[in-house]
Structures are given as C-alpha cells and as structure tokens.
Amino acid sequence: MDSHEFYAGRTRAAILQALASRDSCGGCTSTDIARVVGIAQSSLTYQMSALRDGGLVSSRRCGKYVVHAVTPLGLRILDGA
C-alpha cells in the first residue's frame, strides 16, 4: 500500500492520481474523472466531497461543468511527503 492509499484509500488515491496526471489544462471534469477511474458519477461526487473536505482537491464551476484540480497538499501526499 502506497502512502497516499494509506491516507486517502484506494478509490480516493486513484482519483488523486488521475487528477494529477491530467491536470495540465487546469483541471478535469467530474465525467472525465469518473470514466478514467471507472466509478459511477454518484460515487465520484461522494469521494470528491471527502477529498475537498480534506484539502486535497479544489473544485470550481465552469459553465455547466465542475472542474477539479489537485491542491498542493494533495500533490505532497501523492509524492509521499
């Protein structure tokens, strides 16, 4: 088990990794993340809420979409710091 899995759990760790690897354009939509991670949209909503509450991701509305990004704290956890 990686350190980020210890802190966040497997699904949340997968979400953080997906966001970090696809974050070059300013974030990812909920639909993109759910598809990449392979979870239902409703599950993603729950997981993102927990990650936001922990300060690991940020979310912002962009038109009809919600765009998510990893925070510096989330990146530090992914890096094992």
C-alpha atoms as a PDB file:
ATOM      1  CA  MET A   1       0.000   0.000   0.000  1.00  0.00           C
ATOM      2  CA  ASP A   2       1.419   3.385  -1.021  1.00  0.00           C
ATOM      3  CA  SER A   3       1.410   6.273   1.466  1.00  0.00           C
ATOM      4  CA  HIS A   4      -1.340   8.086  -0.441  1.00  0.00           C
ATOM      5  CA  GLU A   5      -3.503   4.960  -0.300  1.00  0.00           C
ATOM      6  CA  PHE A   6      -2.966   4.880   3.452  1.00  0.00           C
ATOM      7  CA  TYR A   7      -4.184   8.468   3.825  1.00  0.00           C
ATOM      8  CA  ALA A   8      -6.905   8.530   1.204  1.00  0.00           C
ATOM      9  CA  GLY A   9      -7.970   4.945   0.440  1.00  0.00           C
ATOM     10  CA  ARG A  10      -7.674   3.190  -2.919  1.00  0.00           C
ATOM     11  CA  THR A  11     -10.507   4.967  -4.736  1.00  0.00           C
ATOM     12  CA  ARG A  12      -9.521   8.406  -3.489  1.00  0.00           C
ATOM     13  CA  ALA A  13      -5.870   7.695  -4.280  1.00  0.00           C
ATOM     14  CA  ALA A  14      -6.885   6.690  -7.828  1.00  0.00           C
ATOM     15  CA  ILE A  15      -8.849   9.937  -8.164  1.00  0.00           C
ATOM     16  CA  LEU A  16      -5.869  11.993  -6.958  1.00  0.00           C
ATOM     17  CA  GLN A  17      -3.546  10.193  -9.378  1.00  0.00           C
ATOM     18  CA  ALA A  18      -5.955  10.680 -12.275  1.00  0.00           C
ATOM     19  CA  LEU A  19      -6.291  14.379 -11.486  1.00  0.00           C
ATOM     20  CA  ALA A  20      -2.551  14.872 -11.112  1.00  0.00           C
ATOM     21  CA  SER A  21      -1.781  13.155 -14.404  1.00  0.00           C
ATOM     22  CA  ARG A  22      -4.451  15.084 -16.332  1.00  0.00           C
ATOM     23  CA  ASP A  23      -4.208  18.462 -14.588  1.00  0.00           C
ATOM     24  CA  SER A  24      -2.054  20.256 -17.181  1.00  0.00           C
ATOM     25  CA  CYS A  25      -5.074  22.081 -18.638  1.00  0.00           C
ATOM     26  CA  GLY A  26      -6.356  23.460 -15.331  1.00  0.00           C
ATOM     27  CA  GLY A  27      -8.365  20.512 -14.068  1.00  0.00           C
ATOM     28  CA  CYS A  28     -10.691  17.714 -15.069  1.00  0.00           C
ATOM     29  CA  THR A  29     -14.433  17.439 -15.174  1.00  0.00           C
ATOM     30  CA  SER A  30     -16.322  15.020 -12.961  1.00  0.00           C
ATOM     31  CA  THR A  31     -17.317  12.992 -16.015  1.00  0.00           C
ATOM     32  CA  ASP A  32     -13.684  12.611 -17.124  1.00  0.00           C
ATOM     33  CA  ILE A  33     -12.521  11.523 -13.685  1.00  0.00           C
ATOM     34  CA  ALA A  34     -15.344   9.012 -13.225  1.00  0.00           C
ATOM     35  CA  ARG A  35     -14.579   7.474 -16.615  1.00  0.00           C
ATOM     36  CA  VAL A  36     -10.812   7.254 -16.027  1.00  0.00           C
ATOM     37  CA  VAL A  37     -11.144   5.814 -12.518  1.00  0.00           C
ATOM     38  CA  GLY A  38     -14.024   3.538 -13.507  1.00  0.00           C
ATOM     39  CA  ILE A  39     -16.575   4.576 -10.902  1.00  0.00           C
ATOM     40  CA  ALA A  40     -20.137   5.866 -11.065  1.00  0.00           C
ATOM     41  CA  GLN A  41     -20.759   9.605 -11.066  1.00  0.00           C
ATOM     42  CA  SER A  42     -22.618   9.335  -7.745  1.00  0.00           C
ATOM     43  CA  SER A  43     -19.633   7.605  -6.138  1.00  0.00           C
ATOM     44  CA  LEU A  44     -17.301  10.254  -7.509  1.00  0.00           C
ATOM     45  CA  THR A  45     -19.442  13.021  -6.012  1.00  0.00           C
ATOM     46  CA  TYR A  46     -19.139  11.400  -2.581  1.00  0.00           C
ATOM     47  CA  GLN A  47     -15.384  10.816  -2.938  1.00  0.00           C
ATOM     48  CA  MET A  48     -14.710  14.344  -4.205  1.00  0.00           C
ATOM     49  CA  SER A  49     -16.567  15.795  -1.238  1.00  0.00           C
ATOM     50  CA  ALA A  50     -14.294  13.896   1.141  1.00  0.00           C
ATOM     51  CA  LEU A  51     -11.179  14.931  -0.805  1.00  0.00           C
ATOM     52  CA  ARG A  52     -12.296  18.584  -0.798  1.00  0.00           C
ATOM     53  CA  ASP A  53     -13.022  18.448   2.939  1.00  0.00           C
ATOM     54  CA  GLY A  54      -9.502  17.113   3.463  1.00  0.00           C
ATOM     55  CA  GLY A  55      -7.982  19.918   1.401  1.00  0.00           C
ATOM     56  CA  LEU A  56      -6.620  17.516  -1.223  1.00  0.00           C
ATOM     57  CA  VAL A  57      -8.605  18.810  -4.211  1.00  0.00           C
ATOM     58  CA  SER A  58     -10.331  22.003  -5.227  1.00  0.00           C
ATOM     59  CA  SER A  59     -13.448  22.277  -7.361  1.00  0.00           C
ATOM     60  CA  ARG A  60     -14.915  25.130  -9.347  1.00  0.00           C
ATOM     61  CA  ARG A  61     -17.899  25.539 -11.598  1.00  0.00           C
ATOM     62  CA  CYS A  62     -17.128  26.276 -15.243  1.00  0.00           C
ATOM     63  CA  GLY A  63     -20.428  26.734 -17.053  1.00  0.00           C
ATOM     64  CA  LYS A  64     -22.400  23.536 -16.727  1.00  0.00           C
ATOM     65  CA  TYR A  65     -19.347  21.537 -15.602  1.00  0.00           C
ATOM     66  CA  VAL A  66     -17.492  21.189 -12.332  1.00  0.00           C
ATOM     67  CA  VAL A  67     -13.736  21.189 -12.805  1.00  0.00           C
ATOM     68  CA  HIS A  68     -11.478  19.593 -10.181  1.00  0.00           C
ATOM     69  CA  ALA A  69      -7.757  20.001  -9.506  1.00  0.00           C
ATOM     70  CA  VAL A  70      -5.266  18.584  -7.013  1.00  0.00           C
ATOM     71  CA  THR A  71      -4.134  21.054  -4.347  1.00  0.00           C
ATOM     72  CA  PRO A  72      -0.500  21.422  -3.251  1.00  0.00           C
ATOM     73  CA  LEU A  73      -1.340  19.277  -0.198  1.00  0.00           C
ATOM     74  CA  GLY A  74      -2.779  16.575  -2.465  1.00  0.00           C
ATOM     75  CA  LEU A  75       0.374  16.641  -4.577  1.00  0.00           C
ATOM     76  CA  ARG A  76       2.558  16.311  -1.476  1.00  0.00           C
ATOM     77  CA  ILE A  77       0.589  13.236  -0.403  1.00  0.00           C
ATOM     78  CA  LEU A  78       0.951  11.741  -3.879  1.00  0.00           C
ATOM     79  CA  ASP A  79       4.685  12.413  -3.703  1.00  0.00           C
ATOM     80  CA  GLY A  80       4.834  10.596  -0.371  1.00  0.00           C
ATOM     81  CA  ALA A  81       5.884  13.645   1.619  1.00  0.00           C
END
